[in-house]
Amino acid sequence: MTTFSGYTPIFDERSRLFSITELIGDRRPRSYTWRCDLHLNQKKTSACTGFAVCHEAAADPVPVPKLTAAIAQEVYARAKKLDQYYGENYAGSSVLGAIKAGAERGWYASYRWAFSEYDLRIAVGWQGPAVIGIPWTKDMRTPDTKTGVIKPTGVQIGRHALMVKGFNITTGMYRLHNSYGTGWGLGGDCYLHYTHMAQLLKQQGECCIPISRKLKK
């Protein structure tokens, strides 16, 4: 997603034909966190979608090995060619564009979308990690030093993409895997309460779950 404010995502209505609800059925939420040993840093770039998709690809249940920041930048560059926006003279890209770029590399055969926080909760518990694009506020840049929790307070400074790697039923917290390096938050991760996740997704948030993951031969 873009790193400056005032940017409005353009949703591709065709995505509604590929809802995750068809796969998760009547499953109940469960606490689960998917392992991801890769911690990339996008530094001062607008390539967060490429980095988020690379983190998702590097995570369980089928981790793609040897992913790097250079590959994440390539995914981002390709996303700008595949996304919904005219031309390439802009900062950021869509989650959809980056997901398509990952699919081209053979990291997964297909992908589905979550259109509510509850569907995301079940999908992350059972299907695998998700890639989200959400509004990013000033206070979200600095997680609580003890708990790692972020809250969507303060002025919106742009939009940001990152991976959702887990959910805990007891705390009601999502665990997010960011692309700011291991010095940010708790080893590169942070936590977001489900009520805040619901709030952010309603603000034209994107939420994609790759499925049929595979390693390209």
C-alpha atoms as a PDB file:
ATOM      1  CA  MET A   1       0.000   0.000   0.000  1.00  0.00           C
ATOM      2  CA  THR A   2       1.007   3.578  -0.334  1.00  0.00           C
ATOM      3  CA  THR A   3       2.961   5.326   2.410  1.00  0.00           C
ATOM      4  CA  PHE A   4       1.338   8.747   2.021  1.00  0.00           C
ATOM      5  CA  SER A   5      -2.059   9.960   3.123  1.00  0.00           C
ATOM      6  CA  GLY A   6      -5.030  10.727   0.918  1.00  0.00           C
ATOM      7  CA  TYR A   7      -4.774   7.546  -1.141  1.00  0.00           C
ATOM      8  CA  THR A   8      -8.026   5.688  -1.848  1.00  0.00           C
ATOM      9  CA  PRO A   9      -7.835   1.992  -2.811  1.00  0.00           C
ATOM     10  CA  ILE A  10      -9.740   0.818  -5.860  1.00  0.00           C
ATOM     11  CA  PHE A  11     -11.450  -2.467  -5.056  1.00  0.00           C
ATOM     12  CA  ASP A  12     -11.783  -5.047  -7.800  1.00  0.00           C
ATOM     13  CA  GLU A  13     -15.371  -6.253  -7.488  1.00  0.00           C
ATOM     14  CA  ARG A  14     -14.455  -9.549  -9.164  1.00  0.00           C
ATOM     15  CA  SER A  15     -12.715 -10.514  -5.925  1.00  0.00           C
ATOM     16  CA  ARG A  16     -16.123 -10.992  -4.307  1.00  0.00           C
ATOM     17  CA  LEU A  17     -16.509 -14.146  -6.393  1.00  0.00           C
ATOM     18  CA  PHE A  18     -13.614 -15.695  -4.475  1.00  0.00           C
ATOM     19  CA  SER A  19     -14.619 -15.470  -0.831  1.00  0.00           C
ATOM     20  CA  ILE A  20     -12.779 -17.554   1.763  1.00  0.00           C
ATOM     21  CA  THR A  21     -16.136 -18.510   3.310  1.00  0.00           C
ATOM     22  CA  GLU A  22     -16.608 -21.248   0.733  1.00  0.00           C
ATOM     23  CA  LEU A  23     -13.537 -23.028   2.105  1.00  0.00           C
ATOM     24  CA  ILE A  24     -13.770 -22.446   5.851  1.00  0.00           C
ATOM     25  CA  GLY A  25     -17.396 -23.619   6.073  1.00  0.00           C
ATOM     26  CA  ASP A  26     -18.804 -23.792   9.601  1.00  0.00           C
ATOM     27  CA  ARG A  27     -15.488 -24.103  11.419  1.00  0.00           C
ATOM     28  CA  ARG A  28     -15.153 -22.366  14.753  1.00  0.00           C
ATOM     29  CA  PRO A  29     -12.301 -19.964  15.543  1.00  0.00           C
ATOM     30  CA  ARG A  30      -9.179 -21.386  17.141  1.00  0.00           C
ATOM     31  CA  SER A  31      -5.942 -19.946  18.491  1.00  0.00           C
ATOM     32  CA  TYR A  32      -3.060 -20.567  16.129  1.00  0.00           C
ATOM     33  CA  THR A  33       0.118 -18.828  14.943  1.00  0.00           C
ATOM     34  CA  TRP A  34       1.942 -19.749  11.753  1.00  0.00           C
ATOM     35  CA  ARG A  35       5.713 -19.780  11.951  1.00  0.00           C
ATOM     36  CA  CYS A  36       7.713 -17.372   9.788  1.00  0.00           C
ATOM     37  CA  ASP A  37      11.496 -17.177  10.209  1.00  0.00           C
ATOM     38  CA  LEU A  38      11.967 -14.445   7.621  1.00  0.00           C
ATOM     39  CA  HIS A  39      12.201 -10.831   8.809  1.00  0.00           C
ATOM     40  CA  LEU A  40      12.725  -8.383   5.964  1.00  0.00           C
ATOM     41  CA  ASN A  41      13.027  -4.611   6.185  1.00  0.00           C
ATOM     42  CA  GLN A  42      11.506  -2.441   3.476  1.00  0.00           C
ATOM     43  CA  LYS A  43      13.359   0.572   4.873  1.00  0.00           C
ATOM     44  CA  LYS A  44      12.310   3.911   3.327  1.00  0.00           C
ATOM     45  CA  THR A  45      10.430   2.450   0.391  1.00  0.00           C
ATOM     46  CA  SER A  46       6.782   2.064  -0.579  1.00  0.00           C
ATOM     47  CA  ALA A  47       7.208  -1.648  -1.295  1.00  0.00           C
ATOM     48  CA  CYS A  48       5.238  -3.001   1.675  1.00  0.00           C
ATOM     49  CA  THR A  49       2.934  -5.125  -0.494  1.00  0.00           C
ATOM     50  CA  GLY A  50       5.890  -6.971  -1.992  1.00  0.00           C
ATOM     51  CA  PHE A  51       7.395  -7.522   1.444  1.00  0.00           C
ATOM     52  CA  ALA A  52       4.098  -8.689   2.974  1.00  0.00           C
ATOM     53  CA  VAL A  53       3.589 -11.242   0.206  1.00  0.00           C
ATOM     54  CA  CYS A  54       7.172 -12.491   0.576  1.00  0.00           C
ATOM     55  CA  HIS A  55       6.657 -12.926   4.320  1.00  0.00           C
ATOM     56  CA  GLU A  56       3.471 -14.860   3.665  1.00  0.00           C
ATOM     57  CA  ALA A  57       5.258 -17.091   1.160  1.00  0.00           C
ATOM     58  CA  ALA A  58       8.079 -17.744   3.644  1.00  0.00           C
ATOM     59  CA  ALA A  59       5.651 -18.796   6.404  1.00  0.00           C
ATOM     60  CA  ASP A  60       4.195 -22.175   7.232  1.00  0.00           C
ATOM     61  CA  PRO A  61       2.372 -24.290   6.100  1.00  0.00           C
ATOM     62  CA  VAL A  62       4.553 -24.430   2.947  1.00  0.00           C
ATOM     63  CA  PRO A  63       7.493 -22.027   3.387  1.00  0.00           C
ATOM     64  CA  VAL A  64       9.302 -20.859   0.267  1.00  0.00           C
ATOM     65  CA  PRO A  65      13.061 -20.780   1.017  1.00  0.00           C
ATOM     66  CA  LYS A  66      15.708 -18.161   0.291  1.00  0.00           C
ATOM     67  CA  LEU A  67      13.459 -15.129  -0.096  1.00  0.00           C
ATOM     68  CA  THR A  68      15.238 -11.786   0.181  1.00  0.00           C
ATOM     69  CA  ALA A  69      14.553  -8.057   0.247  1.00  0.00           C
ATOM     70  CA  ALA A  70      15.631  -7.923  -3.398  1.00  0.00           C
ATOM     71  CA  ILE A  71      12.953 -10.475  -4.306  1.00  0.00           C
ATOM     72  CA  ALA A  72      10.375  -8.501  -2.309  1.00  0.00           C
ATOM     73  CA  GLN A  73      11.270  -5.410  -4.340  1.00  0.00           C
ATOM     74  CA  GLU A  74      10.835  -7.436  -7.538  1.00  0.00           C
ATOM     75  CA  VAL A  75       7.400  -8.584  -6.375  1.00  0.00           C
ATOM     76  CA  TYR A  76       6.482  -4.975  -5.641  1.00  0.00           C
ATOM     77  CA  ALA A  77       7.692  -3.814  -9.056  1.00  0.00           C
ATOM     78  CA  ARG A  78       5.649  -6.535 -10.716  1.00  0.00           C
ATOM     79  CA  ALA A  79       2.629  -5.671  -8.551  1.00  0.00           C
ATOM     80  CA  LYS A  80       2.613  -2.151 -10.020  1.00  0.00           C
ATOM     81  CA  LYS A  81       2.174  -3.716 -13.448  1.00  0.00           C
ATOM     82  CA  LEU A  82      -0.558  -6.107 -12.296  1.00  0.00           C
ATOM     83  CA  ASP A  83      -2.609  -3.941  -9.931  1.00  0.00           C
ATOM     84  CA  GLN A  84      -5.786  -1.968 -10.618  1.00  0.00           C
ATOM     85  CA  TYR A  85      -4.158   1.433 -11.139  1.00  0.00           C
ATOM     86  CA  TYR A  86      -3.261   3.241 -14.326  1.00  0.00           C
ATOM     87  CA  GLY A  87       0.435   3.479 -15.135  1.00  0.00           C
ATOM     88  CA  GLU A  88       3.234   3.017 -12.614  1.00  0.00           C
ATOM     89  CA  ASN A  89       4.088   6.577 -11.610  1.00  0.00           C
ATOM     90  CA  TYR A  90       2.825   6.341  -8.021  1.00  0.00           C
ATOM     91  CA  ALA A  91       4.030   5.112  -4.648  1.00  0.00           C
ATOM     92  CA  GLY A  92       2.730   1.789  -3.331  1.00  0.00           C
ATOM     93  CA  SER A  93       0.557  -0.856  -4.949  1.00  0.00           C
ATOM     94  CA  SER A  94      -2.457  -2.975  -4.083  1.00  0.00           C
ATOM     95  CA  VAL A  95      -2.510  -6.244  -2.171  1.00  0.00           C
ATOM     96  CA  LEU A  96      -4.174  -7.779  -5.223  1.00  0.00           C
ATOM     97  CA  GLY A  97      -1.298  -6.777  -7.488  1.00  0.00           C
ATOM     98  CA  ALA A  98       1.325  -8.247  -5.148  1.00  0.00           C
ATOM     99  CA  ILE A  99      -0.680 -11.430  -4.615  1.00  0.00           C
ATOM    100  CA  LYS A 100      -0.857 -11.878  -8.394  1.00  0.00           C
ATOM    101  CA  ALA A 101       2.903 -11.401  -8.572  1.00  0.00           C
ATOM    102  CA  GLY A 102       3.412 -14.118  -5.964  1.00  0.00           C
ATOM    103  CA  ALA A 103       1.103 -16.461  -7.855  1.00  0.00           C
ATOM    104  CA  GLU A 104       3.155 -15.888 -11.006  1.00  0.00           C
ATOM    105  CA  ARG A 105       6.196 -17.139  -9.116  1.00  0.00           C
ATOM    106  CA  GLY A 106       4.378 -20.362  -8.285  1.00  0.00           C
ATOM    107  CA  TRP A 107       4.136 -19.785  -4.535  1.00  0.00           C
ATOM    108  CA  TYR A 108       0.425 -20.729  -4.469  1.00  0.00           C
ATOM    109  CA  ALA A 109      -2.100 -21.915  -6.994  1.00  0.00           C
ATOM    110  CA  SER A 110      -4.921 -19.575  -5.994  1.00  0.00           C
ATOM    111  CA  TYR A 111      -6.118 -17.162  -3.319  1.00  0.00           C
ATOM    112  CA  ARG A 112      -9.305 -16.094  -1.587  1.00  0.00           C
ATOM    113  CA  TRP A 113     -10.567 -12.973   0.172  1.00  0.00           C
ATOM    114  CA  ALA A 114     -11.964 -12.328   3.632  1.00  0.00           C
ATOM    115  CA  PHE A 115     -14.626  -9.631   3.758  1.00  0.00           C
ATOM    116  CA  SER A 116     -15.078  -9.524   7.525  1.00  0.00           C
ATOM    117  CA  GLU A 117     -12.926  -9.726  10.615  1.00  0.00           C
ATOM    118  CA  TYR A 118     -14.658 -12.936  11.687  1.00  0.00           C
ATOM    119  CA  ASP A 119     -13.864 -14.659   8.385  1.00  0.00           C
ATOM    120  CA  LEU A 120     -10.240 -13.544   8.727  1.00  0.00           C
ATOM    121  CA  ARG A 121     -10.150 -14.965  12.251  1.00  0.00           C
ATOM    122  CA  ILE A 122     -11.251 -18.410  11.090  1.00  0.00           C
ATOM    123  CA  ALA A 123      -9.098 -18.365   7.961  1.00  0.00           C
ATOM    124  CA  VAL A 124      -5.942 -17.545   9.899  1.00  0.00           C
ATOM    125  CA  GLY A 125      -6.791 -20.201  12.473  1.00  0.00           C
ATOM    126  CA  TRP A 126      -7.230 -22.988   9.936  1.00  0.00           C
ATOM    127  CA  GLN A 127      -6.114 -22.068   6.420  1.00  0.00           C
ATOM    128  CA  GLY A 128      -2.885 -20.119   6.796  1.00  0.00           C
ATOM    129  CA  PRO A 129      -1.469 -16.589   7.070  1.00  0.00           C
ATOM    130  CA  ALA A 130      -3.136 -13.643   5.350  1.00  0.00           C
ATOM    131  CA  VAL A 131      -1.906 -10.479   3.677  1.00  0.00           C
ATOM    132  CA  ILE A 132      -3.784  -7.329   4.629  1.00  0.00           C
ATOM    133  CA  GLY A 133      -3.749  -3.736   3.437  1.00  0.00           C
ATOM    134  CA  ILE A 134      -5.142  -1.335   6.036  1.00  0.00           C
ATOM    135  CA  PRO A 135      -5.106   2.334   7.021  1.00  0.00           C
ATOM    136  CA  TRP A 136      -1.932   3.174   8.955  1.00  0.00           C
ATOM    137  CA  THR A 137      -2.015   5.857  11.632  1.00  0.00           C
ATOM    138  CA  LYS A 138       0.697   7.807  13.399  1.00  0.00           C
ATOM    139  CA  ASP A 139       0.353   5.840  16.647  1.00  0.00           C
ATOM    140  CA  MET A 140       0.542   2.483  14.864  1.00  0.00           C
ATOM    141  CA  ARG A 141       4.169   3.190  13.973  1.00  0.00           C
ATOM    142  CA  THR A 142       5.219   2.605  17.580  1.00  0.00           C
ATOM    143  CA  PRO A 143       3.946  -0.561  19.333  1.00  0.00           C
ATOM    144  CA  ASP A 144       3.762  -0.681  23.114  1.00  0.00           C
ATOM    145  CA  THR A 145       7.269  -1.555  24.294  1.00  0.00           C
ATOM    146  CA  LYS A 146       6.032  -4.236  26.720  1.00  0.00           C
ATOM    147  CA  THR A 147       3.034  -5.797  24.987  1.00  0.00           C
ATOM    148  CA  GLY A 148       3.753  -5.046  21.342  1.00  0.00           C
ATOM    149  CA  VAL A 149       0.167  -3.837  20.901  1.00  0.00           C
ATOM    150  CA  ILE A 150      -0.681  -1.190  18.305  1.00  0.00           C
ATOM    151  CA  LYS A 151      -3.840   0.926  18.258  1.00  0.00           C
ATOM    152  CA  PRO A 152      -5.263   2.802  15.247  1.00  0.00           C
ATOM    153  CA  THR A 153      -5.256   6.173  16.980  1.00  0.00           C
ATOM    154  CA  GLY A 154      -3.799   9.453  15.791  1.00  0.00           C
ATOM    155  CA  VAL A 155      -3.984  10.869  12.302  1.00  0.00           C
ATOM    156  CA  GLN A 156      -3.875   8.559   9.305  1.00  0.00           C
ATOM    157  CA  ILE A 157      -0.500   8.852   7.580  1.00  0.00           C
ATOM    158  CA  GLY A 158      -1.186   6.428   4.756  1.00  0.00           C
ATOM    159  CA  ARG A 159      -1.921   2.763   4.207  1.00  0.00           C
ATOM    160  CA  HIS A 160       0.257  -0.249   4.909  1.00  0.00           C
ATOM    161  CA  ALA A 161       0.415  -3.933   3.977  1.00  0.00           C
ATOM    162  CA  LEU A 162       1.617  -6.664   6.308  1.00  0.00           C
ATOM    163  CA  MET A 163       1.072 -10.316   7.107  1.00  0.00           C
ATOM    164  CA  VAL A 164      -1.372 -11.687   9.667  1.00  0.00           C
ATOM    165  CA  LYS A 165       0.317 -14.747  11.157  1.00  0.00           C
ATOM    166  CA  GLY A 166      -1.939 -15.676  14.053  1.00  0.00           C
ATOM    167  CA  PHE A 167      -4.917 -15.115  16.309  1.00  0.00           C
ATOM    168  CA  ASN A 168      -5.413 -15.785  20.032  1.00  0.00           C
ATOM    169  CA  ILE A 169      -8.955 -16.430  21.216  1.00  0.00           C
ATOM    170  CA  THR A 170      -8.154 -15.708  24.872  1.00  0.00           C
ATOM    171  CA  THR A 171      -6.665 -12.253  24.290  1.00  0.00           C
ATOM    172  CA  GLY A 172      -8.625 -11.407  21.153  1.00  0.00           C
ATOM    173  CA  MET A 173      -5.372 -10.346  19.544  1.00  0.00           C
ATOM    174  CA  TYR A 174      -4.088 -10.820  16.007  1.00  0.00           C
ATOM    175  CA  ARG A 175      -0.350 -11.246  15.622  1.00  0.00           C
ATOM    176  CA  LEU A 176       1.023  -9.221  12.700  1.00  0.00           C
ATOM    177  CA  HIS A 177       4.381  -9.775  10.999  1.00  0.00           C
ATOM    178  CA  ASN A 178       5.703  -6.424   9.765  1.00  0.00           C
ATOM    179  CA  SER A 179       8.404  -5.449   7.288  1.00  0.00           C
ATOM    180  CA  TYR A 180      10.293  -2.961   9.457  1.00  0.00           C
ATOM    181  CA  GLY A 181      13.002  -5.370  10.618  1.00  0.00           C
ATOM    182  CA  THR A 182      13.481  -7.194  13.927  1.00  0.00           C
ATOM    183  CA  GLY A 183      14.194  -3.963  15.805  1.00  0.00           C
ATOM    184  CA  TRP A 184      10.556  -2.894  15.450  1.00  0.00           C
ATOM    185  CA  GLY A 185       7.905  -4.051  17.938  1.00  0.00           C
ATOM    186  CA  LEU A 186       8.548  -7.470  19.429  1.00  0.00           C
ATOM    187  CA  GLY A 187      11.160  -8.932  17.119  1.00  0.00           C
ATOM    188  CA  GLY A 188       9.420  -7.450  14.099  1.00  0.00           C
ATOM    189  CA  ASP A 189       5.889  -8.402  15.152  1.00  0.00           C
ATOM    190  CA  CYS A 190       3.028  -6.569  16.829  1.00  0.00           C
ATOM    191  CA  TYR A 191      -0.480  -7.290  18.122  1.00  0.00           C
ATOM    192  CA  LEU A 192      -3.802  -5.782  17.105  1.00  0.00           C
ATOM    193  CA  HIS A 193      -7.122  -6.339  18.892  1.00  0.00           C
ATOM    194  CA  TYR A 194      -9.893  -7.869  16.810  1.00  0.00           C
ATOM    195  CA  THR A 195     -12.162  -4.847  17.313  1.00  0.00           C
ATOM    196  CA  HIS A 196      -9.504  -2.619  15.806  1.00  0.00           C
ATOM    197  CA  MET A 197      -8.925  -5.082  12.984  1.00  0.00           C
ATOM    198  CA  ALA A 198     -12.644  -4.972  12.183  1.00  0.00           C
ATOM    199  CA  GLN A 199     -12.554  -1.184  12.236  1.00  0.00           C
ATOM    200  CA  LEU A 200      -9.603  -1.014   9.831  1.00  0.00           C
ATOM    201  CA  LEU A 201     -10.959  -3.597   7.402  1.00  0.00           C
ATOM    202  CA  LYS A 202     -14.184  -1.601   7.107  1.00  0.00           C
ATOM    203  CA  GLN A 203     -12.113   1.349   5.911  1.00  0.00           C
ATOM    204  CA  GLN A 204     -11.550  -0.160   2.469  1.00  0.00           C
ATOM    205  CA  GLY A 205      -9.145  -2.729   3.832  1.00  0.00           C
ATOM    206  CA  GLU A 206      -7.902  -5.614   1.685  1.00  0.00           C
ATOM    207  CA  CYS A 207      -7.529  -9.098   3.163  1.00  0.00           C
ATOM    208  CA  CYS A 208      -6.228 -11.957   1.024  1.00  0.00           C
ATOM    209  CA  ILE A 209      -5.474 -15.571   1.961  1.00  0.00           C
ATOM    210  CA  PRO A 210      -3.306 -17.584  -0.458  1.00  0.00           C
ATOM    211  CA  ILE A 211      -4.422 -21.204  -0.764  1.00  0.00           C
ATOM    212  CA  SER A 212      -3.117 -24.338  -2.452  1.00  0.00           C
ATOM    213  CA  ARG A 213       0.384 -23.281  -1.485  1.00  0.00           C
ATOM    214  CA  LYS A 214       3.165 -25.051  -3.327  1.00  0.00           C
ATOM    215  CA  LEU A 215       6.877 -24.900  -4.069  1.00  0.00           C
ATOM    216  CA  LYS A 216       7.686 -24.180  -7.688  1.00  0.00           C
ATOM    217  CA  LYS A 217       9.793 -26.969  -9.192  1.00  0.00           C
END
